[in-house]
PDB file of N, CA and C in Angstrom:
ATOM      1  N   MET A   1      46.814  22.489  35.045  1.00  0.00           N
ATOM      2  CA  MET A   1      46.758  21.501  33.998  1.00  0.00           C
ATOM      3  C   MET A   1      47.475  22.054  32.774  1.00  0.00           C
ATOM      4  N   ASP A   2      48.220  21.235  32.175  1.00  0.00           N
ATOM      5  CA  ASP A   2      48.989  21.625  31.002  1.00  0.00           C
ATOM      6  C   ASP A   2      48.057  21.787  29.804  1.00  0.00           C
ATOM      7  N   LEU A   3      48.367  22.723  28.936  1.00  0.00           N
ATOM      8  CA  LEU A   3      47.546  23.005  27.763  1.00  0.00           C
ATOM      9  C   LEU A   3      47.488  21.810  26.824  1.00  0.00           C
ATOM     10  N   ASN A   4      48.555  21.052  26.697  1.00  0.00           N
ATOM     11  CA  ASN A   4      48.565  19.868  25.826  1.00  0.00           C
ATOM     12  C   ASN A   4      47.632  18.782  26.353  1.00  0.00           C
ATOM     13  N   VAL A   5      47.587  18.630  27.657  1.00  0.00           N
ATOM     14  CA  VAL A   5      46.695  17.625  28.261  1.00  0.00           C
ATOM     15  C   VAL A   5      45.242  18.030  28.020  1.00  0.00           C
ATOM     16  N   LEU A   6      44.956  19.323  28.206  1.00  0.00           N
ATOM     17  CA  LEU A   6      43.599  19.823  27.971  1.00  0.00           C
ATOM     18  C   LEU A   6      43.200  19.618  26.511  1.00  0.00           C
ATOM     19  N   ASN A   7      44.115  19.937  25.601  1.00  0.00           N
ATOM     20  CA  ASN A   7      43.839  19.724  24.175  1.00  0.00           C
ATOM     21  C   ASN A   7      43.623  18.245  23.865  1.00  0.00           C
ATOM     22  N   SER A   8      44.372  17.390  24.489  1.00  0.00           N
ATOM     23  CA  SER A   8      44.220  15.951  24.272  1.00  0.00           C
ATOM     24  C   SER A   8      42.847  15.476  24.742  1.00  0.00           C
ATOM     25  N   TRP A   9      42.430  15.959  25.942  1.00  0.00           N
ATOM     26  CA  TRP A   9      41.118  15.574  26.455  1.00  0.00           C
ATOM     27  C   TRP A   9      39.994  16.120  25.574  1.00  0.00           C
ATOM     28  N   LEU A  10      40.125  17.346  25.139  1.00  0.00           N
ATOM     29  CA  LEU A  10      39.104  17.931  24.253  1.00  0.00           C
ATOM     30  C   LEU A  10      39.038  17.196  22.922  1.00  0.00           C
ATOM     31  N   LEU A  11      40.189  16.847  22.390  1.00  0.00           N
ATOM     32  CA  LEU A  11      40.221  16.093  21.130  1.00  0.00           C
ATOM     33  C   LEU A  11      39.604  14.709  21.306  1.00  0.00           C
ATOM     34  N   ALA A  12      39.893  14.067  22.429  1.00  0.00           N
ATOM     35  CA  ALA A  12      39.307  12.752  22.707  1.00  0.00           C
ATOM     36  C   ALA A  12      37.790  12.863  22.873  1.00  0.00           C
ATOM     37  N   ALA A  13      37.319  13.894  23.567  1.00  0.00           N
ATOM     38  CA  ALA A  13      35.881  14.097  23.764  1.00  0.00           C
ATOM     39  C   ALA A  13      35.203  14.391  22.427  1.00  0.00           C
ATOM     40  N   ALA A  14      35.840  15.217  21.602  1.00  0.00           N
ATOM     41  CA  ALA A  14      35.274  15.525  20.292  1.00  0.00           C
ATOM     42  C   ALA A  14      35.235  14.272  19.417  1.00  0.00           C
ATOM     43  N   GLY A  15      36.258  13.453  19.493  1.00  0.00           N
ATOM     44  CA  GLY A  15      36.278  12.202  18.737  1.00  0.00           C
ATOM     45  C   GLY A  15      35.186  11.252  19.193  1.00  0.00           C
ATOM     46  N   ALA A  16      34.973  11.162  20.514  1.00  0.00           N
ATOM     47  CA  ALA A  16      33.920  10.301  21.054  1.00  0.00           C
ATOM     48  C   ALA A  16      32.545  10.827  20.639  1.00  0.00           C
ATOM     49  N   ALA A  17      32.373  12.134  20.730  1.00  0.00           N
ATOM     50  CA  ALA A  17      31.096  12.723  20.319  1.00  0.00           C
ATOM     51  C   ALA A  17      30.863  12.500  18.828  1.00  0.00           C
ATOM     52  N   GLY A  18      31.915  12.639  18.032  1.00  0.00           N
ATOM     53  CA  GLY A  18      31.790  12.384  16.595  1.00  0.00           C
ATOM     54  C   GLY A  18      31.433  10.936  16.304  1.00  0.00           C
ATOM     55  N   ALA A  19      32.026  10.025  17.075  1.00  0.00           N
ATOM     56  CA  ALA A  19      31.719   8.603  16.888  1.00  0.00           C
ATOM     57  C   ALA A  19      30.262   8.312  17.236  1.00  0.00           C
ATOM     58  N   VAL A  20      29.759   8.935  18.302  1.00  0.00           N
ATOM     59  CA  VAL A  20      28.357   8.740  18.693  1.00  0.00           C
ATOM     60  C   VAL A  20      27.430   9.303  17.620  1.00  0.00           C
ATOM     61  N   VAL A  21      27.736  10.488  17.133  1.00  0.00           N
ATOM     62  CA  VAL A  21      26.921  11.090  16.081  1.00  0.00           C
ATOM     63  C   VAL A  21      26.954  10.220  14.831  1.00  0.00           C
ATOM     64  N   TRP A  22      28.100   9.729  14.466  1.00  0.00           N
ATOM     65  CA  TRP A  22      28.215   8.860  13.289  1.00  0.00           C
ATOM     66  C   TRP A  22      27.402   7.577  13.476  1.00  0.00           C
ATOM     67  N   TRP A  23      27.478   6.984  14.675  1.00  0.00           N
ATOM     68  CA  TRP A  23      26.715   5.764  14.964  1.00  0.00           C
ATOM     69  C   TRP A  23      25.208   6.041  14.869  1.00  0.00           C
ATOM     70  N   LEU A  24      24.767   7.184  15.426  1.00  0.00           N
ATOM     71  CA  LEU A  24      23.352   7.553  15.344  1.00  0.00           C
ATOM     72  C   LEU A  24      22.917   7.763  13.894  1.00  0.00           C
ATOM     73  N   PHE A  25      23.764   8.413  13.112  1.00  0.00           N
ATOM     74  CA  PHE A  25      23.467   8.642  11.697  1.00  0.00           C
ATOM     75  C   PHE A  25      23.338   7.322  10.948  1.00  0.00           C
ATOM     76  N   ARG A  26      24.272   6.410  11.154  1.00  0.00           N
ATOM     77  CA  ARG A  26      24.233   5.110  10.466  1.00  0.00           C
ATOM     78  C   ARG A  26      23.001   4.299  10.880  1.00  0.00           C
ATOM     79  N   THR A  27      22.656   4.355  12.172  1.00  0.00           N
ATOM     80  CA  THR A  27      21.475   3.643  12.657  1.00  0.00           C
ATOM     81  C   THR A  27      20.206   4.200  12.007  1.00  0.00           C
ATOM     82  N   ALA A  28      20.098   5.525  11.974  1.00  0.00           N
ATOM     83  CA  ALA A  28      18.929   6.148  11.350  1.00  0.00           C
ATOM     84  C   ALA A  28      18.886   5.829   9.862  1.00  0.00           C
ATOM     85  N   HIS A  29      20.026   5.868   9.213  1.00  0.00           N
ATOM     86  CA  HIS A  29      20.088   5.560   7.783  1.00  0.00           C
ATOM     87  C   HIS A  29      19.673   4.117   7.517  1.00  0.00           C
ATOM     88  N   ALA A  30      20.098   3.202   8.356  1.00  0.00           N
ATOM     89  CA  ALA A  30      19.718   1.790   8.194  1.00  0.00           C
ATOM     90  C   ALA A  30      18.217   1.612   8.379  1.00  0.00           C
ATOM     91  N   ARG A  31      17.645   2.297   9.351  1.00  0.00           N
ATOM     92  CA  ARG A  31      16.197   2.203   9.560  1.00  0.00           C
ATOM     93  C   ARG A  31      15.430   2.772   8.372  1.00  0.00           C
ATOM     94  N   ILE A  32      15.906   3.878   7.835  1.00  0.00           N
ATOM     95  CA  ILE A  32      15.247   4.472   6.667  1.00  0.00           C
ATOM     96  C   ILE A  32      15.313   3.522   5.479  1.00  0.00           C
ATOM     97  N   GLU A  33      16.467   2.915   5.243  1.00  0.00           N
ATOM     98  CA  GLU A  33      16.599   1.962   4.134  1.00  0.00           C
ATOM     99  C   GLU A  33      15.676   0.765   4.328  1.00  0.00           C
ATOM    100  N   LYS A  34      15.563   0.279   5.568  1.00  0.00           N
ATOM    101  CA  LYS A  34      14.675  -0.850   5.860  1.00  0.00           C
ATOM    102  C   LYS A  34      13.221  -0.465   5.599  1.00  0.00           C
ATOM    103  N   ALA A  35      12.833   0.740   6.017  1.00  0.00           N
ATOM    104  CA  ALA A  35      11.466   1.210   5.785  1.00  0.00           C
ATOM    105  C   ALA A  35      11.189   1.373   4.297  1.00  0.00           C
ATOM    106  N   GLU A  36      12.159   1.886   3.542  1.00  0.00           N
ATOM    107  CA  GLU A  36      11.988   2.032   2.099  1.00  0.00           C
ATOM    108  C   GLU A  36      11.833   0.676   1.424  1.00  0.00           C
ATOM    109  N   THR A  37      12.600  -0.305   1.879  1.00  0.00           N
ATOM    110  CA  THR A  37      12.505  -1.653   1.317  1.00  0.00           C
ATOM    111  C   THR A  37      11.132  -2.252   1.610  1.00  0.00           C
ATOM    112  N   LYS A  38      10.667  -2.106   2.850  1.00  0.00           N
ATOM    113  CA  LYS A  38       9.344  -2.632   3.206  1.00  0.00           C
ATOM    114  C   LYS A  38       8.245  -1.928   2.417  1.00  0.00           C
ATOM    115  N   LEU A  39       8.373  -0.638   2.217  1.00  0.00           N
ATOM    116  CA  LEU A  39       7.386   0.107   1.434  1.00  0.00           C
ATOM    117  C   LEU A  39       7.366  -0.374  -0.005  1.00  0.00           C
ATOM    118  N   ALA A  40       8.535  -0.601  -0.585  1.00  0.00           N
ATOM    119  CA  ALA A  40       8.606  -1.094  -1.955  1.00  0.00           C
ATOM    120  C   ALA A  40       7.979  -2.487  -2.067  1.00  0.00           C
ATOM    121  N   GLU A  41       8.229  -3.341  -1.073  1.00  0.00           N
ATOM    122  CA  GLU A  41       7.623  -4.672  -1.069  1.00  0.00           C
ATOM    123  C   GLU A  41       6.104  -4.576  -0.955  1.00  0.00           C
ATOM    124  N   PHE A  42       5.612  -3.664  -0.122  1.00  0.00           N
ATOM    125  CA  PHE A  42       4.168  -3.505   0.044  1.00  0.00           C
ATOM    126  C   PHE A  42       3.531  -2.966  -1.231  1.00  0.00           C
ATOM    127  N   GLU A  43       4.186  -2.018  -1.885  1.00  0.00           N
ATOM    128  CA  GLU A  43       3.663  -1.491  -3.146  1.00  0.00           C
ATOM    129  C   GLU A  43       3.584  -2.590  -4.199  1.00  0.00           C
ATOM    130  N   LEU A  44       4.587  -3.439  -4.261  1.00  0.00           N
ATOM    131  CA  LEU A  44       4.575  -4.549  -5.202  1.00  0.00           C
ATOM    132  C   LEU A  44       3.459  -5.528  -4.861  1.00  0.00           C
ATOM    133  N   TYR A  45       3.280  -5.817  -3.575  1.00  0.00           N
ATOM    134  CA  TYR A  45       2.204  -6.711  -3.144  1.00  0.00           C
ATOM    135  C   TYR A  45       0.845  -6.143  -3.547  1.00  0.00           C
ATOM    136  N   CYS A  46       0.647  -4.857  -3.320  1.00  0.00           N
ATOM    137  CA  CYS A  46      -0.630  -4.224  -3.678  1.00  0.00           C
ATOM    138  C   CYS A  46      -0.862  -4.273  -5.180  1.00  0.00           C
ATOM    139  N   ALA A  47       0.187  -4.035  -5.946  1.00  0.00           N
ATOM    140  CA  ALA A  47       0.043  -4.069  -7.405  1.00  0.00           C
ATOM    141  C   ALA A  47      -0.312  -5.469  -7.890  1.00  0.00           C
ATOM    142  N   LYS A  48       0.185  -6.497  -7.213  1.00  0.00           N
ATOM    143  CA  LYS A  48      -0.103  -7.871  -7.632  1.00  0.00           C
ATOM    144  C   LYS A  48      -1.464  -8.350  -7.147  1.00  0.00           C
ATOM    145  N   GLU A  49      -1.845  -8.023  -5.910  1.00  0.00           N
ATOM    146  CA  GLU A  49      -2.999  -8.644  -5.274  1.00  0.00           C
ATOM    147  C   GLU A  49      -4.297  -7.854  -5.388  1.00  0.00           C
ATOM    148  N   TYR A  50      -4.247  -6.552  -5.395  1.00  0.00           N
ATOM    149  CA  TYR A  50      -5.462  -5.759  -5.381  1.00  0.00           C
ATOM    150  C   TYR A  50      -5.861  -5.363  -6.797  1.00  0.00           C
ATOM    151  N   VAL A  51      -7.178  -5.301  -7.016  1.00  0.00           N
ATOM    152  CA  VAL A  51      -7.673  -4.934  -8.337  1.00  0.00           C
ATOM    153  C   VAL A  51      -7.658  -3.418  -8.476  1.00  0.00           C
ATOM    154  N   THR A  52      -7.577  -2.986  -9.703  1.00  0.00           N
ATOM    155  CA  THR A  52      -7.617  -1.552  -9.965  1.00  0.00           C
ATOM    156  C   THR A  52      -9.070  -1.092  -9.989  1.00  0.00           C
ATOM    157  N   ALA A  53      -9.271   0.194  -9.864  1.00  0.00           N
ATOM    158  CA  ALA A  53     -10.624   0.751  -9.882  1.00  0.00           C
ATOM    159  C   ALA A  53     -11.278   0.496 -11.239  1.00  0.00           C
ATOM    160  N   ASN A  54     -10.513   0.596 -12.303  1.00  0.00           N
ATOM    161  CA  ASN A  54     -11.049   0.379 -13.643  1.00  0.00           C
ATOM    162  C   ASN A  54     -11.494  -1.070 -13.807  1.00  0.00           C
ATOM    163  N   SER A  55     -10.685  -1.995 -13.339  1.00  0.00           N
ATOM    164  CA  SER A  55     -11.034  -3.409 -13.426  1.00  0.00           C
ATOM    165  C   SER A  55     -12.286  -3.709 -12.602  1.00  0.00           C
ATOM    166  N   MET A  56     -12.379  -3.129 -11.421  1.00  0.00           N
ATOM    167  CA  MET A  56     -13.555  -3.336 -10.579  1.00  0.00           C
ATOM    168  C   MET A  56     -14.796  -2.754 -11.247  1.00  0.00           C
ATOM    169  N   ARG A  57     -14.665  -1.589 -11.858  1.00  0.00           N
ATOM    170  CA  ARG A  57     -15.790  -0.955 -12.545  1.00  0.00           C
ATOM    171  C   ARG A  57     -16.271  -1.825 -13.699  1.00  0.00           C
ATOM    172  N   GLN A  58     -15.341  -2.367 -14.473  1.00  0.00           N
ATOM    173  CA  GLN A  58     -15.715  -3.244 -15.584  1.00  0.00           C
ATOM    174  C   GLN A  58     -16.427  -4.494 -15.074  1.00  0.00           C
ATOM    175  N   THR A  59     -15.949  -5.057 -13.981  1.00  0.00           N
ATOM    176  CA  THR A  59     -16.584  -6.245 -13.401  1.00  0.00           C
ATOM    177  C   THR A  59     -17.996  -5.929 -12.933  1.00  0.00           C
ATOM    178  N   PHE A  60     -18.177  -4.806 -12.259  1.00  0.00           N
ATOM    179  CA  PHE A  60     -19.515  -4.428 -11.808  1.00  0.00           C
ATOM    180  C   PHE A  60     -20.440  -4.136 -12.985  1.00  0.00           C
ATOM    181  N   ASP A  61     -19.914  -3.523 -14.044  1.00  0.00           N
ATOM    182  CA  ASP A  61     -20.735  -3.274 -15.231  1.00  0.00           C
ATOM    183  C   ASP A  61     -21.192  -4.585 -15.856  1.00  0.00           C
ATOM    184  N   THR A  62     -20.292  -5.552 -15.952  1.00  0.00           N
ATOM    185  CA  THR A  62     -20.641  -6.862 -16.500  1.00  0.00           C
ATOM    186  C   THR A  62     -21.682  -7.547 -15.628  1.00  0.00           C
ATOM    187  N   LEU A  63     -21.495  -7.492 -14.330  1.00  0.00           N
ATOM    188  CA  LEU A  63     -22.451  -8.092 -13.399  1.00  0.00           C
ATOM    189  C   LEU A  63     -23.802  -7.402 -13.488  1.00  0.00           C
ATOM    190  N   SER A  64     -23.786  -6.098 -13.594  1.00  0.00           N
ATOM    191  CA  SER A  64     -25.026  -5.334 -13.716  1.00  0.00           C
ATOM    192  C   SER A  64     -25.762  -5.712 -15.000  1.00  0.00           C
ATOM    193  N   ASP A  65     -25.031  -5.853 -16.095  1.00  0.00           N
ATOM    194  CA  ASP A  65     -25.654  -6.261 -17.358  1.00  0.00           C
ATOM    195  C   ASP A  65     -26.266  -7.651 -17.245  1.00  0.00           C
ATOM    196  N   ALA A  66     -25.575  -8.558 -16.562  1.00  0.00           N
ATOM    197  CA  ALA A  66     -26.099  -9.914 -16.386  1.00  0.00           C
ATOM    198  C   ALA A  66     -27.375  -9.894 -15.544  1.00  0.00           C
ATOM    199  N   ILE A  67     -27.394  -9.095 -14.506  1.00  0.00           N
ATOM    200  CA  ILE A  67     -28.597  -8.997 -13.664  1.00  0.00           C
ATOM    201  C   ILE A  67     -29.752  -8.399 -14.457  1.00  0.00           C
ATOM    202  N   LYS A  68     -29.461  -7.386 -15.273  1.00  0.00           N
ATOM    203  CA  LYS A  68     -30.515  -6.795 -16.114  1.00  0.00           C
ATOM    204  C   LYS A  68     -31.068  -7.821 -17.093  1.00  0.00           C
ATOM    205  N   ALA A  69     -30.196  -8.670 -17.635  1.00  0.00           N
ATOM    206  CA  ALA A  69     -30.653  -9.706 -18.560  1.00  0.00           C
ATOM    207  C   ALA A  69     -31.543 -10.713 -17.845  1.00  0.00           C
ATOM    208  N   VAL A  70     -31.207 -11.070 -16.615  1.00  0.00           N
ATOM    209  CA  VAL A  70     -32.042 -12.000 -15.837  1.00  0.00           C
ATOM    210  C   VAL A  70     -33.408 -11.383 -15.576  1.00  0.00           C
ATOM    211  N   PHE A  71     -33.440 -10.128 -15.195  1.00  0.00           N
ATOM    212  CA  PHE A  71     -34.726  -9.474 -14.936  1.00  0.00           C
ATOM    213  C   PHE A  71     -35.547  -9.330 -16.221  1.00  0.00           C
ATOM    214  N   ALA A  72     -34.877  -9.091 -17.334  1.00  0.00           N
ATOM    215  CA  ALA A  72     -35.599  -9.012 -18.604  1.00  0.00           C
ATOM    216  C   ALA A  72     -36.247 -10.352 -18.931  1.00  0.00           C
ATOM    217  N   LYS A  73     -35.534 -11.441 -18.713  1.00  0.00           N
ATOM    218  CA  LYS A  73     -36.111 -12.766 -18.961  1.00  0.00           C
ATOM    219  C   LYS A  73     -37.263 -13.043 -17.995  1.00  0.00           C
ATOM    220  N   LEU A  74     -37.110 -12.639 -16.752  1.00  0.00           N
ATOM    221  CA  LEU A  74     -38.206 -12.811 -15.797  1.00  0.00           C
ATOM    222  C   LEU A  74     -39.433 -12.002 -16.212  1.00  0.00           C
ATOM    223  N   GLU A  75     -39.220 -10.826 -16.748  1.00  0.00           N
ATOM    224  CA  GLU A  75     -40.322 -10.000 -17.272  1.00  0.00           C
ATOM    225  C   GLU A  75     -41.048 -10.740 -18.390  1.00  0.00           C
ATOM    226  N   ARG A  76     -40.257 -11.312 -19.297  1.00  0.00           N
ATOM    227  CA  ARG A  76     -40.876 -12.049 -20.414  1.00  0.00           C
ATOM    228  C   ARG A  76     -41.674 -13.237 -19.902  1.00  0.00           C
ATOM    229  N   ILE A  77     -41.124 -13.941 -18.932  1.00  0.00           N
ATOM    230  CA  ILE A  77     -41.852 -15.084 -18.358  1.00  0.00           C
ATOM    231  C   ILE A  77     -43.143 -14.596 -17.694  1.00  0.00           C
ATOM    232  N   GLU A  78     -43.056 -13.486 -16.973  1.00  0.00           N
ATOM    233  CA  GLU A  78     -44.254 -12.937 -16.316  1.00  0.00           C
ATOM    234  C   GLU A  78     -45.297 -12.523 -17.343  1.00  0.00           C
ATOM    235  N   ASP A  79     -44.859 -11.899 -18.430  1.00  0.00           N
ATOM    236  CA  ASP A  79     -45.798 -11.510 -19.489  1.00  0.00           C
ATOM    237  C   ASP A  79     -46.475 -12.729 -20.101  1.00  0.00           C
ATOM    238  N   LYS A  80     -45.715 -13.779 -20.341  1.00  0.00           N
ATOM    239  CA  LYS A  80     -46.286 -15.005 -20.904  1.00  0.00           C
ATOM    240  C   LYS A  80     -47.293 -15.617 -19.938  1.00  0.00           C
ATOM    241  N   LEU A  81     -46.974 -15.605 -18.639  1.00  0.00           N
ATOM    242  CA  LEU A  81     -47.909 -16.148 -17.657  1.00  0.00           C
ATOM    243  C   LEU A  81     -49.181 -15.308 -17.573  1.00  0.00           C
ATOM    244  N   ASP A  82     -49.048 -13.999 -17.683  1.00  0.00           N
ATOM    245  CA  ASP A  82     -50.222 -13.130 -17.671  1.00  0.00           C
ATOM    246  C   ASP A  82     -51.114 -13.416 -18.872  1.00  0.00           C
ATOM    247  N   LEU A  83     -50.521 -13.611 -20.037  1.00  0.00           N
ATOM    248  CA  LEU A  83     -51.314 -13.907 -21.234  1.00  0.00           C
ATOM    249  C   LEU A  83     -51.989 -15.267 -21.114  1.00  0.00           C
ATOM    250  N   LYS A  84     -51.320 -16.202 -20.539  1.00  0.00           N
ATOM    251  CA  LYS A  84     -51.864 -17.546 -20.400  1.00  0.00           C
ATOM    252  C   LYS A  84     -52.983 -17.580 -19.372  1.00  0.00           C
ATOM    253  N   ALA A  85     -52.903 -16.804 -18.307  1.00  0.00           N
ATOM    254  CA  ALA A  85     -53.924 -16.766 -17.283  1.00  0.00           C
ATOM    255  C   ALA A  85     -55.220 -16.151 -17.807  1.00  0.00           C
ATOM    256  N   ASP A  86     -55.108 -15.288 -18.797  1.00  0.00           N
ATOM    257  CA  ASP A  86     -56.291 -14.616 -19.355  1.00  0.00           C
ATOM    258  C   ASP A  86     -57.141 -15.563 -20.204  1.00  0.00           C
ATOM    259  N   LYS A  87     -56.603 -16.623 -20.714  1.00  0.00           N
ATOM    260  CA  LYS A  87     -57.361 -17.503 -21.613  1.00  0.00           C
ATOM    261  C   LYS A  87     -58.254 -18.422 -20.894  1.00  0.00           C
TER     262      LYS A  87
END
């Protein structure tokens, strides 16, 4: 086999291998970009839809205060009924 033919085949094989590697790189890069886009969309969705821990804590504190106020009023009603039953 002539040296030029061998060099031509090796160059063609190297070019084909380079093309395959380039195609694999571009495919992986496209998948990474797609995953990054989906992650960014999910982060935005979470920021819009889910409450923060601080907001949830404030809501529970308000609810707890309201429940305490209801029980305080029930206590007062019970005390009034106890006084009335004694007469």
